[in-house]
Amino acid sequence: MYPECETMVMLELAKESCLEQLRHEWNATREHGCPGEWDRLICLPPTALGKSVNITCPDIPIFTKRGVVTHTCTRDGWDDPQPSYIHVCGYIFLNEEGPDRQIDYMTLKTAYTVGYSSSLTSLALAMLILCLFRKLRCTRNYIHMHLFASFMLRAISVFIKDRVLFTGEAIDNCAPAPATCKVVMVFFQYCIMANFSWLLVEGLYLHTLLLVSFFSERKYFYSYIIIGWGTPAVFVVVWTVCRVVYEDTGCWDNKGNLVLWWIIKGPILLSILINFLFFIGIIRILVKKLCSSDVGGSSSSHYKRLAKSTLLLIPLFGVHYIVFAFFPDEASELATRVRLYFELALGSFQGFVVAILYCFLNGEVQGELRRKWRRWHVQRFLERGGRGRHHHQQQRHQQQHSSFMMSNGVSSGGLTTHMSLLHKSSPGGYRASSSRDESTII
């Protein structure tokens, strides 16, 4: 049992004993003084107005001191203990978080909520693009798609966990938790491990691609799937069984038993370390290739290309996790706060950065999108042109039909037409009209 849970059990027993004792010792002091009550830590007896009681700190293991606390009965009731429990008993058990700590948590939660939301949206769009275009279907992009899926699952699991754990009600780690809460934590741990596993697969694939001249990408692809999705499942199943057997307390969101916690933390740290070694190895290969005589350009251009390649690999390999990978869990408050902001606030945007770099800024993807856009424009232009030609033909047909009808005297101006024809058919009229035509030609 956790020390906190043991303390809660002892305090609960002390509270029941106090209330039972007060029911038997209730007297007239209730009307002329302060009634007896349970002060969350000690039992205050009924006391007359203006009197004080001195009570020793409760005999609980987590309290390091056995000082004496004084309570005074005033007209407004019991006053605050003098001195406070913090100084006398040596431990703050009922440590309610102050407003500053609440603001920090809300700021952090808002930051990573925005980060995971942007990552989820951009990754979903990137997945849609890679799935729609056949020319983009290759082993490299298949691995990218699995990595995108792992980032999306990670974001979804974080949202579900926050929905279940932070609903405004505190989770009691010492009380039995519902099965739904534990299932959510199992899903969350699996998504986190799967994301790190696919980061490792990206590093393994690129490192193999640079070192091995010829290898079957299709053959290795199935091995990558086993590493990315299968390996995390094994460790999460082991962790789940151990939690059920050895530490089935609370919502499984605590880290009381460090041995069980290392079932999850150990493989993640190992994948981060291996990926960092892959990163160093790939950078060395790039430096050798850029410094070789076969590559043209100045040294400054080489450094720019190397810096660009390095920056592109950092989010893909998750190299930034190495900064706090081996950071102890029991650290100072400032160090813990920096690590949380680094891993949660900044790390939540990793999926967004990966989608931008490896999909939206990819030359092949941009080329396919441009071709699709031009094809759509051409098709739309042809459809408009076809409709325009059809409309023009209809107009010409109507004009020809109206001319034919007018020539036969059907139109409203039929009388005038007949008169002009009769005029032209006469000899004088014919000569006059012929002369006008000739003058026009001249």
Protein backbone atom coordinates (compact mmCIF):
# COMPACT_ATOMS: atom_id res chain seq x y z
CA MET A 1 0.00 0.00 0.00
CA TYR A 2 1.21 3.52 -0.80
CA PRO A 3 2.24 5.66 2.21
CA GLU A 4 -0.47 8.11 1.17
CA CYS A 5 -3.09 5.37 1.17
CA GLU A 6 -1.87 4.09 4.53
CA THR A 7 -2.13 7.60 5.92
CA MET A 8 -5.65 7.99 4.56
CA VAL A 9 -6.70 4.72 6.18
CA MET A 10 -5.24 5.77 9.53
CA LEU A 11 -6.88 9.18 9.34
CA GLU A 12 -10.21 7.63 8.40
CA LEU A 13 -10.03 5.36 11.45
CA ALA A 14 -9.07 8.31 13.65
CA LYS A 15 -12.00 10.30 12.28
CA GLU A 16 -14.48 7.52 13.07
CA SER A 17 -13.07 7.20 16.59
CA CYS A 18 -13.27 10.97 17.09
CA LEU A 19 -16.88 11.23 15.94
CA GLU A 20 -17.88 8.29 18.13
CA GLN A 21 -16.18 9.87 21.13
CA LEU A 22 -17.83 13.24 20.51
CA ARG A 23 -21.28 11.68 20.40
CA HIS A 24 -20.77 10.34 23.92
CA GLU A 25 -19.06 13.43 25.36
CA TRP A 26 -21.42 16.07 23.88
CA ASN A 27 -22.27 18.57 26.65
CA ALA A 28 -23.51 22.07 27.31
CA THR A 29 -20.31 23.50 25.91
CA ARG A 30 -22.05 23.33 22.57
CA GLU A 31 -24.16 26.37 23.52
CA HIS A 32 -21.55 28.46 25.35
CA GLY A 33 -18.36 27.51 23.50
CA CYS A 34 -17.00 25.56 20.57
CA PRO A 35 -18.38 22.10 19.83
CA GLY A 36 -16.06 19.21 19.33
CA GLU A 37 -15.16 18.43 15.72
CA TRP A 38 -12.76 16.58 13.45
CA ASP A 39 -10.11 18.92 12.06
CA ARG A 40 -9.03 16.61 9.20
CA LEU A 41 -5.94 15.70 11.23
CA ILE A 42 -6.82 15.84 14.93
CA CYS A 43 -9.90 15.54 17.16
CA LEU A 44 -10.90 18.79 18.88
CA PRO A 45 -12.88 18.27 22.12
CA PRO A 46 -15.74 20.57 23.17
CA THR A 47 -14.13 23.69 24.66
CA ALA A 48 -15.45 26.71 26.53
CA LEU A 49 -15.24 30.17 25.03
CA GLY A 50 -11.77 31.72 25.39
CA LYS A 51 -10.13 28.44 26.31
CA SER A 52 -7.36 26.71 24.36
CA VAL A 53 -6.48 23.08 23.80
CA ASN A 54 -3.02 21.70 23.11
CA ILE A 55 -2.95 18.60 20.91
CA THR A 56 0.04 16.61 19.75
CA CYS A 57 0.48 15.88 16.04
CA PRO A 58 -1.08 12.55 15.10
CA ASP A 59 1.12 9.48 15.18
CA ILE A 60 1.26 8.91 11.43
CA PRO A 61 4.41 7.59 9.71
CA ILE A 62 4.66 10.34 7.11
CA PHE A 63 4.77 13.05 9.80
CA THR A 64 8.38 13.70 10.76
CA LYS A 65 7.72 15.74 13.91
CA ARG A 66 5.63 15.30 17.03
CA GLY A 67 5.03 18.91 17.97
CA VAL A 68 2.08 20.45 19.81
CA VAL A 69 -0.66 22.40 18.05
CA THR A 70 -2.81 24.94 19.93
CA HIS A 71 -6.44 25.66 19.06
CA THR A 72 -8.38 28.48 20.74
CA CYS A 73 -12.15 28.77 21.00
CA THR A 74 -13.32 32.25 19.97
CA ARG A 75 -16.72 33.87 19.43
CA ASP A 76 -16.41 33.04 15.72
CA GLY A 77 -15.54 29.42 16.43
CA TRP A 78 -12.23 27.62 16.34
CA ASP A 79 -9.32 29.73 15.18
CA ASP A 80 -6.48 28.54 12.97
CA PRO A 81 -3.94 26.23 14.60
CA GLN A 82 -0.95 27.91 16.17
CA PRO A 83 1.66 27.20 14.98
CA SER A 84 0.54 25.66 11.70
CA TYR A 85 0.66 21.96 10.94
CA ILE A 86 3.33 22.61 8.30
CA HIS A 87 5.89 23.76 10.86
CA VAL A 88 4.87 21.62 13.81
CA CYS A 89 4.18 18.25 12.19
CA GLY A 90 6.83 18.53 9.48
CA TYR A 91 4.70 17.41 6.51
CA ILE A 92 1.87 18.77 4.41
CA PHE A 93 -0.56 15.97 3.79
CA LEU A 94 -3.61 17.92 2.73
CA ASN A 95 -1.61 20.10 0.37
CA GLU A 96 -4.16 21.96 -1.61
CA GLU A 97 -2.65 23.45 -4.74
CA GLY A 98 -2.42 27.19 -4.80
CA PRO A 99 -3.70 29.45 -7.58
CA ASP A 100 -0.25 29.76 -9.16
CA ARG A 101 0.06 26.00 -9.55
CA GLN A 102 -3.46 25.82 -10.99
CA ILE A 103 -2.59 28.53 -13.52
CA ASP A 104 0.54 26.61 -14.54
CA TYR A 105 -1.46 23.43 -15.09
CA MET A 106 -4.14 25.21 -17.09
CA THR A 107 -1.53 26.97 -19.24
CA LEU A 108 0.27 23.71 -19.88
CA LYS A 109 -2.98 21.89 -20.67
CA THR A 110 -4.04 24.64 -23.08
CA ALA A 111 -0.66 24.58 -24.82
CA TYR A 112 -0.57 20.85 -25.46
CA THR A 113 -4.26 20.78 -26.39
CA VAL A 114 -3.56 23.32 -29.14
CA GLY A 115 -0.47 21.36 -30.18
CA TYR A 116 -2.18 17.99 -30.38
CA SER A 117 -5.20 19.50 -32.16
CA SER A 118 -3.03 21.09 -34.85
CA SER A 119 -1.03 17.88 -35.18
CA LEU A 120 -4.16 15.76 -35.50
CA THR A 121 -5.65 18.01 -38.19
CA SER A 122 -2.48 18.31 -40.28
CA LEU A 123 -1.68 14.60 -39.99
CA ALA A 124 -5.19 13.62 -41.08
CA LEU A 125 -4.85 15.82 -44.18
CA ALA A 126 -1.38 14.42 -44.88
CA MET A 127 -2.69 10.85 -44.59
CA LEU A 128 -5.49 11.68 -47.02
CA ILE A 129 -3.04 13.08 -49.58
CA LEU A 130 -0.70 10.09 -49.38
CA CYS A 131 -3.62 7.68 -49.73
CA LEU A 132 -5.26 9.38 -52.72
CA PHE A 133 -2.27 9.64 -55.08
CA ARG A 134 -1.02 6.32 -56.42
CA LYS A 135 2.34 7.73 -57.49
CA LEU A 136 3.11 8.50 -53.84
CA ARG A 137 2.65 4.89 -52.74
CA CYS A 138 6.09 3.52 -51.88
CA THR A 139 7.76 1.93 -48.86
CA ARG A 140 9.12 5.24 -47.60
CA ASN A 141 5.70 6.90 -47.66
CA TYR A 142 4.05 3.79 -46.20
CA ILE A 143 6.37 4.11 -43.19
CA HIS A 144 5.54 7.82 -43.00
CA MET A 145 1.84 6.97 -42.99
CA HIS A 146 2.27 4.55 -40.09
CA LEU A 147 4.23 7.21 -38.22
CA PHE A 148 1.45 9.72 -38.93
CA ALA A 149 -1.10 7.21 -37.63
CA SER A 150 0.89 6.74 -34.41
CA PHE A 151 1.00 10.50 -33.86
CA MET A 152 -2.75 10.70 -34.44
CA LEU A 153 -3.42 7.89 -31.97
CA ARG A 154 -1.19 9.59 -29.44
CA ALA A 155 -3.16 12.83 -29.73
CA ILE A 156 -6.49 10.99 -29.51
CA SER A 157 -5.35 9.04 -26.44
CA VAL A 158 -4.30 12.26 -24.70
CA PHE A 159 -7.71 13.81 -25.33
CA ILE A 160 -9.50 10.70 -24.07
CA LYS A 161 -7.29 10.50 -20.98
CA ASP A 162 -7.91 14.15 -20.13
CA ARG A 163 -11.62 13.60 -20.63
CA VAL A 164 -11.67 10.69 -18.18
CA LEU A 165 -9.12 11.77 -15.58
CA PHE A 166 -9.66 15.54 -15.46
CA THR A 167 -13.42 15.87 -15.34
CA GLY A 168 -13.36 18.23 -12.37
CA GLU A 169 -13.39 15.42 -9.80
CA ALA A 170 -10.20 14.25 -8.18
CA ILE A 171 -9.16 10.66 -8.78
CA ASP A 172 -8.66 8.77 -5.55
CA ASN A 173 -5.70 6.46 -6.10
CA CYS A 174 -6.51 4.59 -2.92
CA ALA A 175 -10.08 3.74 -3.87
CA PRO A 176 -11.16 1.19 -6.48
CA ALA A 177 -11.33 2.85 -9.89
CA PRO A 178 -13.79 1.93 -12.67
CA ALA A 179 -12.60 -0.42 -15.39
CA THR A 180 -13.11 2.27 -18.04
CA CYS A 181 -10.48 4.45 -16.41
CA LYS A 182 -7.94 1.62 -16.46
CA VAL A 183 -8.72 0.70 -20.07
CA VAL A 184 -8.11 4.32 -21.07
CA MET A 185 -4.72 4.28 -19.35
CA VAL A 186 -3.77 1.02 -21.10
CA PHE A 187 -4.74 2.54 -24.46
CA PHE A 188 -2.78 5.69 -23.61
CA GLN A 189 0.38 3.78 -22.71
CA TYR A 190 0.13 1.71 -25.90
CA CYS A 191 -0.23 4.81 -28.10
CA ILE A 192 2.77 6.48 -26.47
CA MET A 193 4.95 3.39 -26.92
CA ALA A 194 3.74 2.87 -30.51
CA ASN A 195 4.66 6.44 -31.38
CA PHE A 196 8.21 6.02 -30.08
CA SER A 197 8.44 2.65 -31.84
CA TRP A 198 7.59 4.17 -35.21
CA LEU A 199 10.10 6.95 -34.63
CA LEU A 200 12.61 4.14 -34.14
CA VAL A 201 11.42 2.47 -37.37
CA GLU A 202 11.98 5.72 -39.28
CA GLY A 203 15.54 5.89 -37.99
CA LEU A 204 16.16 2.21 -38.69
CA TYR A 205 14.82 2.47 -42.25
CA LEU A 206 16.85 5.54 -43.17
CA HIS A 207 20.00 4.17 -41.56
CA THR A 208 19.60 0.88 -43.44
CA LEU A 209 18.90 2.73 -46.69
CA LEU A 210 22.17 4.65 -46.43
CA LEU A 211 24.34 1.71 -45.37
CA VAL A 212 22.97 -1.18 -47.44
CA SER A 213 23.20 -0.83 -51.21
CA PHE A 214 20.50 -3.34 -52.14
CA PHE A 215 17.80 -4.63 -49.82
CA SER A 216 14.21 -5.70 -50.27
CA GLU A 217 12.11 -2.86 -48.91
CA ARG A 218 8.92 -4.91 -49.18
CA LYS A 219 10.49 -7.75 -47.20
CA TYR A 220 11.71 -5.46 -44.44
CA PHE A 221 8.43 -3.54 -44.36
CA TYR A 222 6.58 -6.35 -42.58
CA SER A 223 9.35 -6.45 -39.97
CA TYR A 224 8.89 -2.72 -39.48
CA ILE A 225 5.17 -3.24 -38.86
CA ILE A 226 5.93 -5.85 -36.20
CA ILE A 227 8.41 -3.50 -34.51
CA GLY A 228 6.09 -0.49 -34.72
CA TRP A 229 2.80 -2.02 -33.62
CA GLY A 230 3.64 -5.43 -32.18
CA THR A 231 6.48 -4.65 -29.77
CA PRO A 232 4.53 -2.00 -27.82
CA ALA A 233 1.61 -4.42 -27.48
CA VAL A 234 3.86 -6.99 -25.79
CA PHE A 235 5.18 -4.55 -23.19
CA VAL A 236 1.76 -3.02 -22.52
CA VAL A 237 0.23 -6.47 -21.97
CA VAL A 238 3.00 -7.34 -19.50
CA TRP A 239 2.52 -4.01 -17.72
CA THR A 240 -1.25 -4.53 -17.55
CA VAL A 241 -0.92 -8.01 -16.04
CA CYS A 242 1.59 -6.74 -13.47
CA ARG A 243 -0.69 -3.85 -12.52
CA VAL A 244 -3.61 -6.22 -12.00
CA VAL A 245 -1.53 -8.58 -9.87
CA TYR A 246 0.76 -6.27 -7.91
CA GLU A 247 -0.62 -2.71 -8.02
CA ASP A 248 -4.30 -2.62 -8.86
CA THR A 249 -4.91 0.74 -7.17
CA GLY A 250 -6.43 3.93 -8.47
CA CYS A 251 -6.71 4.63 -12.16
CA TRP A 252 -3.23 3.26 -13.00
CA ASP A 253 -2.01 6.80 -13.66
CA ASN A 254 0.42 6.83 -10.73
CA LYS A 255 4.03 5.69 -10.59
CA GLY A 256 4.17 4.28 -7.09
CA ASN A 257 5.91 1.03 -7.99
CA LEU A 258 8.97 2.07 -10.02
CA VAL A 259 9.70 -1.50 -11.07
CA LEU A 260 6.37 -1.72 -12.88
CA TRP A 261 6.79 1.76 -14.31
CA TRP A 262 10.09 0.73 -15.92
CA ILE A 263 8.21 -1.84 -18.02
CA ILE A 264 6.88 1.17 -19.93
CA LYS A 265 9.70 3.63 -19.43
CA GLY A 266 12.58 1.25 -20.19
CA PRO A 267 11.67 0.41 -23.83
CA ILE A 268 10.90 4.08 -24.53
CA LEU A 269 14.30 5.20 -23.22
CA LEU A 270 15.99 2.43 -25.19
CA SER A 271 14.25 3.49 -28.43
CA ILE A 272 15.23 7.13 -27.82
CA LEU A 273 18.86 6.13 -27.25
CA ILE A 274 19.01 3.89 -30.35
CA ASN A 275 17.39 6.56 -32.49
CA PHE A 276 19.91 9.10 -31.24
CA LEU A 277 22.74 6.76 -32.28
CA PHE A 278 21.09 6.37 -35.70
CA PHE A 279 20.90 10.14 -35.93
CA ILE A 280 24.62 10.54 -35.16
CA GLY A 281 25.49 7.81 -37.68
CA ILE A 282 23.41 9.37 -40.44
CA ILE A 283 24.91 12.80 -39.80
CA ARG A 284 28.39 11.27 -40.13
CA ILE A 285 27.44 9.67 -43.44
CA LEU A 286 26.07 12.97 -44.72
CA VAL A 287 29.23 14.80 -43.68
CA LYS A 288 31.40 12.29 -45.54
CA LYS A 289 29.29 12.57 -48.68
CA LEU A 290 29.26 16.36 -48.60
CA CYS A 291 33.02 16.53 -48.04
CA SER A 292 33.84 14.10 -50.85
CA SER A 293 35.35 15.41 -54.09
CA ASP A 294 32.36 14.22 -56.12
CA VAL A 295 30.07 16.80 -54.55
CA GLY A 296 30.46 20.26 -55.98
CA GLY A 297 29.83 23.60 -54.37
CA SER A 298 31.48 25.74 -51.75
CA SER A 299 32.00 24.81 -48.13
CA SER A 300 29.31 27.25 -47.04
CA SER A 301 26.75 25.52 -49.26
CA HIS A 302 27.82 22.17 -47.77
CA TYR A 303 27.22 23.48 -44.26
CA LYS A 304 23.81 24.81 -45.26
CA ARG A 305 22.81 21.46 -46.74
CA LEU A 306 24.09 19.66 -43.65
CA ALA A 307 22.22 22.01 -41.32
CA LYS A 308 19.05 21.58 -43.36
CA SER A 309 19.36 17.79 -43.30
CA THR A 310 20.00 17.83 -39.55
CA LEU A 311 16.97 20.00 -38.83
CA LEU A 312 14.80 17.73 -40.99
CA LEU A 313 15.93 14.63 -39.11
CA ILE A 314 15.42 15.99 -35.57
CA PRO A 315 11.58 15.85 -35.54
CA LEU A 316 11.51 12.63 -37.58
CA PHE A 317 13.80 10.80 -35.15
CA GLY A 318 12.52 12.52 -32.00
CA VAL A 319 16.07 13.55 -31.13
CA HIS A 320 14.79 16.33 -28.86
CA TYR A 321 13.58 13.69 -26.37
CA ILE A 322 17.19 12.85 -25.51
CA VAL A 323 17.43 16.16 -23.60
CA PHE A 324 15.22 14.92 -20.74
CA ALA A 325 15.22 11.19 -21.47
CA PHE A 326 17.36 10.24 -18.48
CA PHE A 327 16.07 13.01 -16.25
CA PRO A 328 15.10 11.69 -12.79
CA ASP A 329 11.42 11.70 -11.92
CA GLU A 330 12.13 13.03 -8.44
CA ALA A 331 13.61 16.40 -9.40
CA SER A 332 13.17 19.96 -8.23
CA GLU A 333 9.94 21.76 -8.97
CA LEU A 334 11.58 24.13 -11.48
CA ALA A 335 13.30 21.31 -13.36
CA THR A 336 10.09 19.29 -13.47
CA ARG A 337 8.17 22.28 -14.78
CA VAL A 338 10.74 22.87 -17.54
CA ARG A 339 10.62 19.22 -18.54
CA LEU A 340 6.81 19.19 -18.65
CA TYR A 341 6.66 22.27 -20.85
CA PHE A 342 9.36 20.84 -23.12
CA GLU A 343 7.85 17.38 -23.51
CA LEU A 344 4.15 18.26 -23.46
CA ALA A 345 3.83 21.79 -24.80
CA LEU A 346 6.57 21.57 -27.45
CA GLY A 347 6.36 17.82 -28.04
CA SER A 348 2.66 18.07 -28.86
CA PHE A 349 3.56 20.02 -32.03
CA GLN A 350 5.92 17.29 -33.26
CA GLY A 351 3.22 15.65 -35.38
CA PHE A 352 2.38 19.00 -36.95
CA VAL A 353 6.04 19.62 -37.84
CA VAL A 354 6.47 16.11 -39.25
CA ALA A 355 3.35 16.51 -41.44
CA ILE A 356 4.63 19.84 -42.77
CA LEU A 357 8.18 18.65 -43.50
CA TYR A 358 7.47 15.19 -44.88
CA CYS A 359 4.20 15.77 -46.71
CA PHE A 360 3.25 19.35 -47.48
CA LEU A 361 6.83 20.49 -48.25
CA ASN A 362 7.75 17.26 -50.04
CA GLY A 363 8.63 17.84 -53.72
CA GLU A 364 6.82 14.73 -54.94
CA VAL A 365 3.67 15.64 -53.05
CA GLN A 366 3.73 19.21 -54.33
CA GLY A 367 4.29 17.95 -57.90
CA GLU A 368 1.30 15.61 -57.69
CA LEU A 369 -0.88 18.36 -56.23
CA ARG A 370 0.16 20.75 -59.02
CA ARG A 371 -0.58 18.14 -61.69
CA LYS A 372 -3.96 17.42 -60.12
CA TRP A 373 -4.70 21.14 -59.98
CA ARG A 374 -3.73 21.69 -63.65
CA ARG A 375 -5.73 18.65 -64.74
CA TRP A 376 -8.76 19.95 -62.88
CA HIS A 377 -8.38 23.39 -64.48
CA VAL A 378 -8.03 21.92 -67.98
CA GLN A 379 -11.07 19.70 -67.47
CA ARG A 380 -13.08 22.62 -66.18
CA PHE A 381 -11.97 24.76 -69.13
CA LEU A 382 -12.95 22.06 -71.61
CA GLU A 383 -16.33 21.65 -69.96
CA ARG A 384 -16.91 25.40 -70.15
CA GLY A 385 -15.72 25.43 -73.79
CA GLY A 386 -18.05 22.58 -74.73
CA ARG A 387 -20.99 24.34 -73.14
CA GLY A 388 -19.98 27.57 -74.93
CA ARG A 389 -19.72 25.90 -78.33
CA HIS A 390 -23.06 24.21 -77.84
CA HIS A 391 -24.64 27.54 -76.92
CA HIS A 392 -23.00 29.24 -79.96
CA GLN A 393 -24.29 26.53 -82.29
CA GLN A 394 -27.78 26.98 -80.90
CA GLN A 395 -27.57 30.71 -81.55
CA ARG A 396 -26.37 30.20 -85.14
CA HIS A 397 -29.15 27.68 -85.74
CA GLN A 398 -31.73 30.15 -84.44
CA GLN A 399 -30.31 32.94 -86.61
CA GLN A 400 -30.37 30.75 -89.73
CA HIS A 401 -33.91 29.67 -88.95
CA SER A 402 -35.07 33.26 -88.46
CA SER A 403 -33.36 34.35 -91.70
CA PHE A 404 -35.08 31.55 -93.58
CA MET A 405 -38.43 32.52 -92.14
CA MET A 406 -37.89 36.17 -92.99
CA SER A 407 -36.93 35.32 -96.56
CA ASN A 408 -40.29 33.58 -96.97
CA GLY A 409 -42.25 36.54 -95.60
CA VAL A 410 -43.14 35.02 -92.29
CA SER A 411 -41.63 37.70 -90.14
CA SER A 412 -43.38 40.81 -88.96
CA GLY A 413 -41.60 42.79 -91.61
CA GLY A 414 -42.95 40.57 -94.44
CA LEU A 415 -44.78 43.39 -96.21
CA THR A 416 -41.69 45.56 -96.41
CA THR A 417 -39.67 42.65 -97.71
CA HIS A 418 -42.21 41.95 -100.45
CA MET A 419 -42.26 45.60 -101.44
CA SER A 420 -38.47 45.72 -101.72
CA LEU A 421 -38.45 42.57 -103.80
CA LEU A 422 -41.11 43.96 -106.08
CA HIS A 423 -39.16 47.17 -106.39
CA LYS A 424 -36.01 45.29 -107.33
CA SER A 425 -37.84 43.15 -109.82
CA SER A 426 -38.88 46.23 -111.83
CA PRO A 427 -36.39 47.41 -114.52
CA GLY A 428 -35.84 50.84 -112.98
CA GLY A 429 -35.45 49.49 -109.56
CA TYR A 430 -33.02 46.86 -110.71
CA ARG A 431 -30.79 49.43 -112.36
CA ALA A 432 -30.90 51.71 -109.34
CA SER A 433 -29.98 48.96 -106.98
CA SER A 434 -27.23 47.77 -109.28
CA SER A 435 -25.72 51.23 -109.46
CA ARG A 436 -25.74 51.53 -105.66
CA ASP A 437 -23.95 48.20 -105.40
CA GLU A 438 -21.34 49.24 -107.91
CA SER A 439 -20.78 52.57 -106.17
CA THR A 440 -20.27 50.71 -102.98
CA ILE A 441 -17.69 48.43 -104.59
CA ILE A 442 -15.84 51.41 -106.11
